[in-house]
């Protein structure tokens, strides 16, 4: 006969637990989340407002990859994205100017999440991020993968780590230039941020997180990243030893600032360059607080599983308190400008 022990309804909630409250700026309808996994860095340190605005898609022409004589009007791309937003709100399945590449992380009913699309008439890919104050504090309603990232990364989500993609790309370009081999064999697409004309900003207020008893930040509720589309020549495969070794060697060179997932790399047609298509800052995604190097994919996978298990099931009170008040990732110690 089995037994079940539930938390007593008379047991007081720990008032020292990390807590966040969210709302749209200008709106007094708040949503809240209290969870021991919430940390200062992902919620209050990732978004860099000045850097974000410095890297917005311009209205002026932007270059076409590998075609120095061709340009595309940035203002035209902005117009097409605005039309896309209208069609999404109309809950259309297909779109006039875009092809859907991935929407598994997008909730069509609630209108939040991440959607990846390709412009039909222009050589660019669009990653569209939409959050609301309600969705931000509902990490357990977004599927298994977002739940794991939330628990491993100190409350992080794709909306937050999206802010790391361009800054990390800038850092990686500078780093790769310092190496004689990688500088000749690796490339990174151009990337820009985009904000809709009708901006919606989410205010996040945190309690019992980090060095301050209360802290506040505002982040865009809807934004996008526009990146060069890559014409793929060959797909990298885990079944090919040279592909595995090349990807891991590159990731180790960057101290795992990039996700070793093999699909994050493409061999580009004509140039034969290895292109890093996903520059999301990997330590921010999984909450690494120490430099990691791996020499096999089996070791990488098993390490992530072990970390996830520890973070979910085996954190004692001392560990939780340390993460709550000292959430520095190793990136903030070595290259604070990156994130």
C-alpha atoms as a PDB file:
ATOM      1  CA  UNK A   1       0.000   0.000   0.000  1.00  0.00           C
ATOM      2  CA  UNK A   2       1.521   3.301  -1.090  1.00  0.00           C
ATOM      3  CA  UNK A   3       1.507   6.531   0.854  1.00  0.00           C
ATOM      4  CA  UNK A   4       1.372  10.110  -0.301  1.00  0.00           C
ATOM      5  CA  UNK A   5       2.491  13.134   1.670  1.00  0.00           C
ATOM      6  CA  UNK A   6       1.256  16.524   0.482  1.00  0.00           C
ATOM      7  CA  UNK A   7       2.344  19.962   1.598  1.00  0.00           C
ATOM      8  CA  UNK A   8       0.115  21.109   4.426  1.00  0.00           C
ATOM      9  CA  UNK A   9      -2.183  23.978   3.561  1.00  0.00           C
ATOM     10  CA  UNK A  10      -1.360  25.417   6.978  1.00  0.00           C
ATOM     11  CA  UNK A  11       2.363  25.510   6.265  1.00  0.00           C
ATOM     12  CA  UNK A  12       3.531  29.072   5.700  1.00  0.00           C
ATOM     13  CA  UNK A  13       4.989  30.002   2.311  1.00  0.00           C
ATOM     14  CA  UNK A  14       8.649  30.946   2.578  1.00  0.00           C
ATOM     15  CA  UNK A  15       8.562  34.740   2.259  1.00  0.00           C
ATOM     16  CA  UNK A  16      12.241  34.814   1.287  1.00  0.00           C
ATOM     17  CA  UNK A  17      11.727  32.879  -1.959  1.00  0.00           C
ATOM     18  CA  UNK A  18      12.522  34.692  -5.228  1.00  0.00           C
ATOM     19  CA  UNK A  19       9.453  36.315  -6.760  1.00  0.00           C
ATOM     20  CA  UNK A  20       8.714  38.346  -9.885  1.00  0.00           C
ATOM     21  CA  UNK A  21       5.687  40.411 -10.869  1.00  0.00           C
ATOM     22  CA  UNK A  22       5.012  41.440 -14.460  1.00  0.00           C
ATOM     23  CA  UNK A  23       2.765  43.872 -16.286  1.00  0.00           C
ATOM     24  CA  UNK A  24       2.622  45.808 -19.520  1.00  0.00           C
ATOM     25  CA  UNK A  25       4.039  49.286 -18.983  1.00  0.00           C
ATOM     26  CA  UNK A  26       1.081  51.603 -18.450  1.00  0.00           C
ATOM     27  CA  UNK A  27      -1.180  48.777 -17.279  1.00  0.00           C
ATOM     28  CA  UNK A  28      -1.813  47.885 -13.633  1.00  0.00           C
ATOM     29  CA  UNK A  29      -2.842  44.275 -14.288  1.00  0.00           C
ATOM     30  CA  UNK A  30      -0.026  42.275 -12.636  1.00  0.00           C
ATOM     31  CA  UNK A  31       0.957  38.617 -12.904  1.00  0.00           C
ATOM     32  CA  UNK A  32       3.342  36.928 -10.488  1.00  0.00           C
ATOM     33  CA  UNK A  33       5.586  33.907 -10.097  1.00  0.00           C
ATOM     34  CA  UNK A  34       7.358  32.648  -6.985  1.00  0.00           C
ATOM     35  CA  UNK A  35       9.960  29.980  -7.626  1.00  0.00           C
ATOM     36  CA  UNK A  36      13.263  29.003  -6.017  1.00  0.00           C
ATOM     37  CA  UNK A  37      14.956  28.735  -9.455  1.00  0.00           C
ATOM     38  CA  UNK A  38      14.609  32.429 -10.305  1.00  0.00           C
ATOM     39  CA  UNK A  39      17.993  34.171 -10.533  1.00  0.00           C
ATOM     40  CA  UNK A  40      19.161  37.724 -11.104  1.00  0.00           C
ATOM     41  CA  UNK A  41      21.338  37.309 -14.203  1.00  0.00           C
ATOM     42  CA  UNK A  42      18.865  35.892 -16.759  1.00  0.00           C
ATOM     43  CA  UNK A  43      15.989  38.134 -15.757  1.00  0.00           C
ATOM     44  CA  UNK A  44      17.698  41.421 -14.930  1.00  0.00           C
ATOM     45  CA  UNK A  45      21.109  41.365 -16.622  1.00  0.00           C
ATOM     46  CA  UNK A  46      20.707  39.795 -20.073  1.00  0.00           C
ATOM     47  CA  UNK A  47      18.783  42.625 -21.744  1.00  0.00           C
ATOM     48  CA  UNK A  48      20.991  45.570 -22.707  1.00  0.00           C
ATOM     49  CA  UNK A  49      18.701  48.369 -23.854  1.00  0.00           C
ATOM     50  CA  UNK A  50      21.429  50.575 -25.346  1.00  0.00           C
ATOM     51  CA  UNK A  51      22.932  47.694 -27.318  1.00  0.00           C
ATOM     52  CA  UNK A  52      19.463  46.635 -28.487  1.00  0.00           C
ATOM     53  CA  UNK A  53      18.657  50.052 -29.952  1.00  0.00           C
ATOM     54  CA  UNK A  54      22.144  50.407 -31.436  1.00  0.00           C
ATOM     55  CA  UNK A  55      21.545  47.222 -33.439  1.00  0.00           C
ATOM     56  CA  UNK A  56      18.023  47.794 -34.749  1.00  0.00           C
ATOM     57  CA  UNK A  57      17.311  47.109 -38.420  1.00  0.00           C
ATOM     58  CA  UNK A  58      17.877  50.437 -40.215  1.00  0.00           C
ATOM     59  CA  UNK A  59      15.515  52.047 -42.693  1.00  0.00           C
ATOM     60  CA  UNK A  60      18.433  52.337 -45.093  1.00  0.00           C
ATOM     61  CA  UNK A  61      19.514  49.561 -47.482  1.00  0.00           C
ATOM     62  CA  UNK A  62      21.287  46.559 -45.943  1.00  0.00           C
ATOM     63  CA  UNK A  63      23.718  44.226 -47.768  1.00  0.00           C
ATOM     64  CA  UNK A  64      22.834  40.902 -49.348  1.00  0.00           C
ATOM     65  CA  UNK A  65      25.166  38.148 -48.203  1.00  0.00           C
ATOM     66  CA  UNK A  66      27.875  37.235 -50.728  1.00  0.00           C
ATOM     67  CA  UNK A  67      26.524  39.820 -53.199  1.00  0.00           C
ATOM     68  CA  UNK A  68      28.328  43.093 -52.550  1.00  0.00           C
ATOM     69  CA  UNK A  69      26.537  44.765 -55.454  1.00  0.00           C
ATOM     70  CA  UNK A  70      23.046  44.033 -54.088  1.00  0.00           C
ATOM     71  CA  UNK A  71      21.153  45.805 -51.292  1.00  0.00           C
ATOM     72  CA  UNK A  72      17.706  45.431 -49.726  1.00  0.00           C
ATOM     73  CA  UNK A  73      15.673  48.304 -48.313  1.00  0.00           C
ATOM     74  CA  UNK A  74      15.416  47.907 -44.545  1.00  0.00           C
ATOM     75  CA  UNK A  75      12.204  49.945 -44.454  1.00  0.00           C
ATOM     76  CA  UNK A  76      10.570  47.451 -46.832  1.00  0.00           C
ATOM     77  CA  UNK A  77      11.487  44.528 -44.588  1.00  0.00           C
ATOM     78  CA  UNK A  78       9.977  46.371 -41.625  1.00  0.00           C
ATOM     79  CA  UNK A  79       6.717  46.859 -43.518  1.00  0.00           C
ATOM     80  CA  UNK A  80       6.501  43.143 -44.308  1.00  0.00           C
ATOM     81  CA  UNK A  81       7.064  42.198 -40.666  1.00  0.00           C
ATOM     82  CA  UNK A  82       4.302  44.587 -39.552  1.00  0.00           C
ATOM     83  CA  UNK A  83       1.967  42.842 -42.011  1.00  0.00           C
ATOM     84  CA  UNK A  84       3.052  39.492 -40.605  1.00  0.00           C
ATOM     85  CA  UNK A  85       2.041  40.590 -37.097  1.00  0.00           C
ATOM     86  CA  UNK A  86      -1.417  41.483 -38.357  1.00  0.00           C
ATOM     87  CA  UNK A  87      -1.806  38.053 -39.981  1.00  0.00           C
ATOM     88  CA  UNK A  88      -0.625  36.300 -36.806  1.00  0.00           C
ATOM     89  CA  UNK A  89      -3.219  38.181 -34.762  1.00  0.00           C
ATOM     90  CA  UNK A  90      -5.787  37.025 -37.313  1.00  0.00           C
ATOM     91  CA  UNK A  91      -4.583  33.473 -36.493  1.00  0.00           C
ATOM     92  CA  UNK A  92      -3.716  32.651 -40.067  1.00  0.00           C
ATOM     93  CA  UNK A  93      -1.816  29.418 -40.717  1.00  0.00           C
ATOM     94  CA  UNK A  94       0.057  30.669 -43.774  1.00  0.00           C
ATOM     95  CA  UNK A  95       1.425  34.124 -44.441  1.00  0.00           C
ATOM     96  CA  UNK A  96       1.617  36.381 -47.473  1.00  0.00           C
ATOM     97  CA  UNK A  97       5.309  37.245 -47.350  1.00  0.00           C
ATOM     98  CA  UNK A  98       6.806  34.481 -45.200  1.00  0.00           C
ATOM     99  CA  UNK A  99       7.359  30.734 -45.096  1.00  0.00           C
ATOM    100  CA  UNK A 100       7.196  29.124 -41.649  1.00  0.00           C
ATOM    101  CA  UNK A 101      10.370  27.209 -40.818  1.00  0.00           C
ATOM    102  CA  UNK A 102       9.540  26.424 -37.201  1.00  0.00           C
ATOM    103  CA  UNK A 103       6.631  27.199 -34.894  1.00  0.00           C
ATOM    104  CA  UNK A 104       6.742  24.380 -32.327  1.00  0.00           C
ATOM    105  CA  UNK A 105       7.460  26.941 -29.579  1.00  0.00           C
ATOM    106  CA  UNK A 106       4.614  29.255 -30.606  1.00  0.00           C
ATOM    107  CA  UNK A 107       1.191  29.058 -28.957  1.00  0.00           C
ATOM    108  CA  UNK A 108      -1.220  30.057 -31.713  1.00  0.00           C
ATOM    109  CA  UNK A 109      -4.190  30.232 -29.339  1.00  0.00           C
ATOM    110  CA  UNK A 110      -2.481  32.420 -26.740  1.00  0.00           C
ATOM    111  CA  UNK A 111      -0.351  34.310 -29.307  1.00  0.00           C
ATOM    112  CA  UNK A 112       2.961  33.957 -27.532  1.00  0.00           C
ATOM    113  CA  UNK A 113       6.255  32.162 -28.086  1.00  0.00           C
ATOM    114  CA  UNK A 114       8.937  31.897 -30.777  1.00  0.00           C
ATOM    115  CA  UNK A 115       8.348  31.520 -34.512  1.00  0.00           C
ATOM    116  CA  UNK A 116      11.053  31.165 -37.182  1.00  0.00           C
ATOM    117  CA  UNK A 117      10.197  32.237 -40.731  1.00  0.00           C
ATOM    118  CA  UNK A 118      11.877  33.001 -44.041  1.00  0.00           C
ATOM    119  CA  UNK A 119      11.086  35.972 -46.257  1.00  0.00           C
ATOM    120  CA  UNK A 120       9.636  34.712 -49.549  1.00  0.00           C
ATOM    121  CA  UNK A 121      11.206  37.421 -51.672  1.00  0.00           C
ATOM    122  CA  UNK A 122      14.347  38.335 -49.748  1.00  0.00           C
ATOM    123  CA  UNK A 123      17.364  36.306 -48.525  1.00  0.00           C
ATOM    124  CA  UNK A 124      16.709  36.721 -44.810  1.00  0.00           C
ATOM    125  CA  UNK A 125      15.375  34.662 -41.916  1.00  0.00           C
ATOM    126  CA  UNK A 126      13.141  36.120 -39.203  1.00  0.00           C
ATOM    127  CA  UNK A 127      12.994  34.962 -35.600  1.00  0.00           C
ATOM    128  CA  UNK A 128       9.907  36.479 -33.993  1.00  0.00           C
ATOM    129  CA  UNK A 129       9.618  36.597 -30.197  1.00  0.00           C
ATOM    130  CA  UNK A 130       6.324  37.401 -28.475  1.00  0.00           C
ATOM    131  CA  UNK A 131       5.724  37.397 -24.726  1.00  0.00           C
ATOM    132  CA  UNK A 132       3.031  38.848 -22.501  1.00  0.00           C
ATOM    133  CA  UNK A 133       3.164  39.539 -18.766  1.00  0.00           C
ATOM    134  CA  UNK A 134       1.038  36.424 -18.267  1.00  0.00           C
ATOM    135  CA  UNK A 135       3.120  34.111 -20.457  1.00  0.00           C
ATOM    136  CA  UNK A 136       6.363  35.321 -18.875  1.00  0.00           C
ATOM    137  CA  UNK A 137       5.341  33.947 -15.473  1.00  0.00           C
ATOM    138  CA  UNK A 138       3.942  30.676 -16.865  1.00  0.00           C
ATOM    139  CA  UNK A 139       7.121  28.745 -17.743  1.00  0.00           C
ATOM    140  CA  UNK A 140       5.468  25.380 -17.133  1.00  0.00           C
ATOM    141  CA  UNK A 141       2.876  25.937 -19.862  1.00  0.00           C
ATOM    142  CA  UNK A 142       5.384  26.036 -22.732  1.00  0.00           C
ATOM    143  CA  UNK A 143       6.480  22.431 -23.231  1.00  0.00           C
ATOM    144  CA  UNK A 144       9.229  20.182 -21.883  1.00  0.00           C
ATOM    145  CA  UNK A 145      12.252  21.917 -23.409  1.00  0.00           C
ATOM    146  CA  UNK A 146      11.368  25.424 -22.112  1.00  0.00           C
ATOM    147  CA  UNK A 147      10.696  23.905 -18.671  1.00  0.00           C
ATOM    148  CA  UNK A 148      14.155  22.350 -18.566  1.00  0.00           C
ATOM    149  CA  UNK A 149      15.788  25.612 -19.637  1.00  0.00           C
ATOM    150  CA  UNK A 150      13.831  27.526 -16.995  1.00  0.00           C
ATOM    151  CA  UNK A 151      14.957  25.179 -14.222  1.00  0.00           C
ATOM    152  CA  UNK A 152      18.567  24.928 -15.432  1.00  0.00           C
ATOM    153  CA  UNK A 153      19.069  28.550 -16.457  1.00  0.00           C
ATOM    154  CA  UNK A 154      17.770  30.366 -13.391  1.00  0.00           C
ATOM    155  CA  UNK A 155      14.375  31.275 -14.814  1.00  0.00           C
ATOM    156  CA  UNK A 156      15.563  31.915 -18.364  1.00  0.00           C
ATOM    157  CA  UNK A 157      13.357  31.567 -21.451  1.00  0.00           C
ATOM    158  CA  UNK A 158      13.830  31.897 -25.220  1.00  0.00           C
ATOM    159  CA  UNK A 159      12.543  35.464 -25.129  1.00  0.00           C
ATOM    160  CA  UNK A 160      15.405  36.444 -22.817  1.00  0.00           C
ATOM    161  CA  UNK A 161      18.167  34.433 -24.480  1.00  0.00           C
ATOM    162  CA  UNK A 162      17.124  35.921 -27.813  1.00  0.00           C
ATOM    163  CA  UNK A 163      18.662  39.170 -26.584  1.00  0.00           C
ATOM    164  CA  UNK A 164      22.061  37.424 -26.382  1.00  0.00           C
ATOM    165  CA  UNK A 165      22.178  36.333 -30.035  1.00  0.00           C
ATOM    166  CA  UNK A 166      23.527  39.511 -31.633  1.00  0.00           C
ATOM    167  CA  UNK A 167      25.863  40.560 -28.843  1.00  0.00           C
ATOM    168  CA  UNK A 168      27.303  37.058 -28.741  1.00  0.00           C
ATOM    169  CA  UNK A 169      27.680  37.110 -32.542  1.00  0.00           C
ATOM    170  CA  UNK A 170      29.733  40.312 -32.264  1.00  0.00           C
ATOM    171  CA  UNK A 171      31.934  38.765 -29.608  1.00  0.00           C
ATOM    172  CA  UNK A 172      32.430  35.546 -31.593  1.00  0.00           C
ATOM    173  CA  UNK A 173      33.464  37.443 -34.739  1.00  0.00           C
ATOM    174  CA  UNK A 174      36.156  39.252 -32.789  1.00  0.00           C
ATOM    175  CA  UNK A 175      37.286  36.021 -31.135  1.00  0.00           C
ATOM    176  CA  UNK A 176      37.491  34.064 -34.397  1.00  0.00           C
ATOM    177  CA  UNK A 177      39.676  36.768 -35.952  1.00  0.00           C
ATOM    178  CA  UNK A 178      42.345  35.979 -33.388  1.00  0.00           C
ATOM    179  CA  UNK A 179      42.826  32.412 -34.651  1.00  0.00           C
ATOM    180  CA  UNK A 180      44.667  31.669 -37.905  1.00  0.00           C
ATOM    181  CA  UNK A 181      42.584  28.590 -38.709  1.00  0.00           C
ATOM    182  CA  UNK A 182      39.083  29.528 -37.596  1.00  0.00           C
ATOM    183  CA  UNK A 183      39.291  33.014 -39.087  1.00  0.00           C
ATOM    184  CA  UNK A 184      39.583  31.418 -42.542  1.00  0.00           C
ATOM    185  CA  UNK A 185      36.962  28.685 -42.147  1.00  0.00           C
ATOM    186  CA  UNK A 186      34.105  30.103 -40.027  1.00  0.00           C
ATOM    187  CA  UNK A 187      31.543  32.814 -40.655  1.00  0.00           C
ATOM    188  CA  UNK A 188      28.520  34.274 -38.865  1.00  0.00           C
ATOM    189  CA  UNK A 189      25.469  35.803 -40.593  1.00  0.00           C
ATOM    190  CA  UNK A 190      24.643  39.491 -40.249  1.00  0.00           C
ATOM    191  CA  UNK A 191      21.877  40.084 -37.704  1.00  0.00           C
ATOM    192  CA  UNK A 192      19.644  42.973 -36.634  1.00  0.00           C
ATOM    193  CA  UNK A 193      16.927  43.523 -34.014  1.00  0.00           C
ATOM    194  CA  UNK A 194      13.444  44.775 -34.924  1.00  0.00           C
ATOM    195  CA  UNK A 195      10.694  46.427 -32.873  1.00  0.00           C
ATOM    196  CA  UNK A 196       7.082  46.881 -34.023  1.00  0.00           C
ATOM    197  CA  UNK A 197       5.673  50.365 -34.480  1.00  0.00           C
ATOM    198  CA  UNK A 198       3.221  49.710 -31.656  1.00  0.00           C
ATOM    199  CA  UNK A 199       5.783  48.851 -29.012  1.00  0.00           C
ATOM    200  CA  UNK A 200       4.672  46.812 -25.993  1.00  0.00           C
ATOM    201  CA  UNK A 201       7.090  46.793 -23.075  1.00  0.00           C
ATOM    202  CA  UNK A 202       6.906  44.366 -20.168  1.00  0.00           C
ATOM    203  CA  UNK A 203       7.917  45.568 -16.731  1.00  0.00           C
ATOM    204  CA  UNK A 204       9.443  42.936 -14.448  1.00  0.00           C
ATOM    205  CA  UNK A 205       9.756  43.608 -10.723  1.00  0.00           C
ATOM    206  CA  UNK A 206      11.881  41.179  -8.715  1.00  0.00           C
ATOM    207  CA  UNK A 207      11.898  40.482  -4.995  1.00  0.00           C
ATOM    208  CA  UNK A 208      14.545  38.523  -3.048  1.00  0.00           C
ATOM    209  CA  UNK A 209      16.718  38.173  -6.146  1.00  0.00           C
ATOM    210  CA  UNK A 210      20.339  39.286  -6.349  1.00  0.00           C
ATOM    211  CA  UNK A 211      21.995  42.010  -4.320  1.00  0.00           C
ATOM    212  CA  UNK A 212      18.972  44.321  -4.160  1.00  0.00           C
ATOM    213  CA  UNK A 213      15.772  43.561  -2.234  1.00  0.00           C
ATOM    214  CA  UNK A 214      13.691  44.954  -5.117  1.00  0.00           C
ATOM    215  CA  UNK A 215      14.740  45.586  -8.712  1.00  0.00           C
ATOM    216  CA  UNK A 216      12.951  46.453 -11.915  1.00  0.00           C
ATOM    217  CA  UNK A 217      13.590  46.131 -15.641  1.00  0.00           C
ATOM    218  CA  UNK A 218      11.577  46.738 -18.804  1.00  0.00           C
ATOM    219  CA  UNK A 219      11.964  44.504 -21.871  1.00  0.00           C
ATOM    220  CA  UNK A 220      10.214  44.449 -25.281  1.00  0.00           C
ATOM    221  CA  UNK A 221       7.164  42.214 -25.298  1.00  0.00           C
ATOM    222  CA  UNK A 222       7.476  41.709 -29.052  1.00  0.00           C
ATOM    223  CA  UNK A 223      10.694  41.879 -31.027  1.00  0.00           C
ATOM    224  CA  UNK A 224      12.443  40.040 -33.827  1.00  0.00           C
ATOM    225  CA  UNK A 225      15.876  39.176 -35.168  1.00  0.00           C
ATOM    226  CA  UNK A 226      16.542  39.416 -38.904  1.00  0.00           C
ATOM    227  CA  UNK A 227      19.503  37.360 -40.131  1.00  0.00           C
ATOM    228  CA  UNK A 228      21.119  36.461 -43.441  1.00  0.00           C
ATOM    229  CA  UNK A 229      19.637  33.276 -44.923  1.00  0.00           C
ATOM    230  CA  UNK A 230      22.339  30.681 -45.604  1.00  0.00           C
ATOM    231  CA  UNK A 231      22.338  28.590 -48.774  1.00  0.00           C
ATOM    232  CA  UNK A 232      23.296  25.212 -47.392  1.00  0.00           C
ATOM    233  CA  UNK A 233      25.620  22.928 -49.361  1.00  0.00           C
ATOM    234  CA  UNK A 234      25.932  20.037 -46.921  1.00  0.00           C
ATOM    235  CA  UNK A 235      24.273  19.144 -43.643  1.00  0.00           C
ATOM    236  CA  UNK A 236      26.511  18.303 -40.733  1.00  0.00           C
ATOM    237  CA  UNK A 237      25.759  14.912 -39.222  1.00  0.00           C
ATOM    238  CA  UNK A 238      26.479  13.327 -35.850  1.00  0.00           C
ATOM    239  CA  UNK A 239      27.151  10.118 -37.748  1.00  0.00           C
ATOM    240  CA  UNK A 240      30.258  11.626 -39.323  1.00  0.00           C
ATOM    241  CA  UNK A 241      33.270  11.764 -37.023  1.00  0.00           C
ATOM    242  CA  UNK A 242      34.900  14.721 -38.777  1.00  0.00           C
ATOM    243  CA  UNK A 243      31.674  16.746 -38.451  1.00  0.00           C
ATOM    244  CA  UNK A 244      31.392  15.967 -34.735  1.00  0.00           C
ATOM    245  CA  UNK A 245      35.030  16.801 -34.107  1.00  0.00           C
ATOM    246  CA  UNK A 246      34.914  20.049 -36.064  1.00  0.00           C
ATOM    247  CA  UNK A 247      31.815  21.286 -34.192  1.00  0.00           C
ATOM    248  CA  UNK A 248      33.184  20.362 -30.770  1.00  0.00           C
ATOM    249  CA  UNK A 249      36.607  21.859 -31.499  1.00  0.00           C
ATOM    250  CA  UNK A 250      34.943  25.127 -32.466  1.00  0.00           C
ATOM    251  CA  UNK A 251      32.689  25.134 -29.402  1.00  0.00           C
ATOM    252  CA  UNK A 252      35.622  24.414 -27.089  1.00  0.00           C
ATOM    253  CA  UNK A 253      37.604  27.236 -28.696  1.00  0.00           C
ATOM    254  CA  UNK A 254      34.775  29.625 -27.752  1.00  0.00           C
ATOM    255  CA  UNK A 255      34.467  28.176 -24.214  1.00  0.00           C
ATOM    256  CA  UNK A 256      31.063  26.869 -25.248  1.00  0.00           C
ATOM    257  CA  UNK A 257      29.629  30.305 -25.990  1.00  0.00           C
ATOM    258  CA  UNK A 258      27.700  28.464 -28.731  1.00  0.00           C
ATOM    259  CA  UNK A 259      25.450  25.425 -28.500  1.00  0.00           C
ATOM    260  CA  UNK A 260      27.234  22.304 -29.850  1.00  0.00           C
ATOM    261  CA  UNK A 261      23.965  21.006 -31.328  1.00  0.00           C
ATOM    262  CA  UNK A 262      25.007  19.871 -34.800  1.00  0.00           C
ATOM    263  CA  UNK A 263      22.049  21.609 -36.478  1.00  0.00           C
ATOM    264  CA  UNK A 264      23.448  24.975 -35.416  1.00  0.00           C
ATOM    265  CA  UNK A 265      26.118  24.718 -38.103  1.00  0.00           C
ATOM    266  CA  UNK A 266      25.872  24.716 -41.894  1.00  0.00           C
ATOM    267  CA  UNK A 267      28.398  24.289 -44.689  1.00  0.00           C
ATOM    268  CA  UNK A 268      27.594  27.152 -47.038  1.00  0.00           C
ATOM    269  CA  UNK A 269      27.207  26.626 -50.760  1.00  0.00           C
ATOM    270  CA  UNK A 270      29.912  28.204 -52.969  1.00  0.00           C
ATOM    271  CA  UNK A 271      32.008  29.539 -50.071  1.00  0.00           C
ATOM    272  CA  UNK A 272      32.373  26.158 -48.290  1.00  0.00           C
ATOM    273  CA  UNK A 273      32.551  28.067 -45.016  1.00  0.00           C
ATOM    274  CA  UNK A 274      31.229  26.548 -41.800  1.00  0.00           C
ATOM    275  CA  UNK A 275      28.528  29.013 -40.727  1.00  0.00           C
ATOM    276  CA  UNK A 276      27.308  29.372 -37.144  1.00  0.00           C
ATOM    277  CA  UNK A 277      23.606  29.993 -37.705  1.00  0.00           C
ATOM    278  CA  UNK A 278      22.546  30.051 -34.036  1.00  0.00           C
ATOM    279  CA  UNK A 279      24.551  32.445 -31.846  1.00  0.00           C
ATOM    280  CA  UNK A 280      22.366  32.221 -28.732  1.00  0.00           C
ATOM    281  CA  UNK A 281      24.674  32.391 -25.737  1.00  0.00           C
ATOM    282  CA  UNK A 282      24.708  28.773 -24.549  1.00  0.00           C
ATOM    283  CA  UNK A 283      25.808  29.313 -20.901  1.00  0.00           C
ATOM    284  CA  UNK A 284      22.814  31.610 -20.458  1.00  0.00           C
ATOM    285  CA  UNK A 285      20.477  28.913 -21.786  1.00  0.00           C
ATOM    286  CA  UNK A 286      21.609  26.110 -19.481  1.00  0.00           C
ATOM    287  CA  UNK A 287      22.982  28.121 -16.566  1.00  0.00           C
ATOM    288  CA  UNK A 288      26.658  27.168 -16.764  1.00  0.00           C
ATOM    289  CA  UNK A 289      28.617  28.940 -14.029  1.00  0.00           C
ATOM    290  CA  UNK A 290      31.982  27.427 -14.921  1.00  0.00           C
ATOM    291  CA  UNK A 291      33.873  27.058 -18.195  1.00  0.00           C
ATOM    292  CA  UNK A 292      33.044  23.752 -19.901  1.00  0.00           C
ATOM    293  CA  UNK A 293      34.911  21.800 -22.583  1.00  0.00           C
ATOM    294  CA  UNK A 294      33.754  18.514 -24.106  1.00  0.00           C
ATOM    295  CA  UNK A 295      35.543  16.080 -26.375  1.00  0.00           C
ATOM    296  CA  UNK A 296      32.618  13.856 -27.277  1.00  0.00           C
ATOM    297  CA  UNK A 297      28.908  14.354 -27.855  1.00  0.00           C
ATOM    298  CA  UNK A 298      28.080  11.494 -25.498  1.00  0.00           C
ATOM    299  CA  UNK A 299      29.899  13.328 -22.724  1.00  0.00           C
ATOM    300  CA  UNK A 300      28.135  16.578 -23.605  1.00  0.00           C
ATOM    301  CA  UNK A 301      24.684  14.950 -23.562  1.00  0.00           C
ATOM    302  CA  UNK A 302      25.315  13.080 -20.320  1.00  0.00           C
ATOM    303  CA  UNK A 303      26.651  16.230 -18.658  1.00  0.00           C
ATOM    304  CA  UNK A 304      23.509  18.191 -19.560  1.00  0.00           C
ATOM    305  CA  UNK A 305      21.290  15.388 -18.266  1.00  0.00           C
ATOM    306  CA  UNK A 306      23.245  15.268 -15.012  1.00  0.00           C
ATOM    307  CA  UNK A 307      23.056  19.054 -14.554  1.00  0.00           C
ATOM    308  CA  UNK A 308      19.349  19.100 -15.307  1.00  0.00           C
ATOM    309  CA  UNK A 309      18.730  16.311 -12.783  1.00  0.00           C
ATOM    310  CA  UNK A 310      20.719  18.100 -10.086  1.00  0.00           C
ATOM    311  CA  UNK A 311      19.039  21.436 -10.734  1.00  0.00           C
ATOM    312  CA  UNK A 312      15.551  19.948 -10.579  1.00  0.00           C
ATOM    313  CA  UNK A 313      15.809  17.345  -7.834  1.00  0.00           C
ATOM    314  CA  UNK A 314      18.977  17.717  -5.770  1.00  0.00           C
ATOM    315  CA  UNK A 315      19.467  21.363  -4.805  1.00  0.00           C
ATOM    316  CA  UNK A 316      19.804  21.805  -1.050  1.00  0.00           C
ATOM    317  CA  UNK A 317      18.902  25.020   0.730  1.00  0.00           C
ATOM    318  CA  UNK A 318      22.482  26.335   0.674  1.00  0.00           C
ATOM    319  CA  UNK A 319      22.727  25.843  -3.091  1.00  0.00           C
ATOM    320  CA  UNK A 320      19.362  27.537  -3.663  1.00  0.00           C
ATOM    321  CA  UNK A 321      20.295  30.526  -1.536  1.00  0.00           C
ATOM    322  CA  UNK A 322      23.656  30.946  -3.290  1.00  0.00           C
ATOM    323  CA  UNK A 323      21.972  30.903  -6.720  1.00  0.00           C
ATOM    324  CA  UNK A 324      19.306  33.297  -5.471  1.00  0.00           C
ATOM    325  CA  UNK A 325      21.759  35.970  -4.377  1.00  0.00           C
ATOM    326  CA  UNK A 326      24.847  35.235  -6.499  1.00  0.00           C
ATOM    327  CA  UNK A 327      23.825  34.283 -10.031  1.00  0.00           C
ATOM    328  CA  UNK A 328      26.982  35.284 -11.900  1.00  0.00           C
ATOM    329  CA  UNK A 329      27.758  33.190 -14.952  1.00  0.00           C
ATOM    330  CA  UNK A 330      31.378  32.766 -15.943  1.00  0.00           C
ATOM    331  CA  UNK A 331      30.723  35.020 -18.935  1.00  0.00           C
ATOM    332  CA  UNK A 332      30.104  37.966 -16.610  1.00  0.00           C
ATOM    333  CA  UNK A 333      33.482  37.329 -14.996  1.00  0.00           C
ATOM    334  CA  UNK A 334      35.482  37.070 -18.214  1.00  0.00           C
ATOM    335  CA  UNK A 335      33.586  39.184 -20.781  1.00  0.00           C
ATOM    336  CA  UNK A 336      30.945  41.269 -19.053  1.00  0.00           C
ATOM    337  CA  UNK A 337      30.395  43.275 -22.234  1.00  0.00           C
ATOM    338  CA  UNK A 338      29.003  40.196 -23.973  1.00  0.00           C
ATOM    339  CA  UNK A 339      25.903  39.838 -21.866  1.00  0.00           C
END
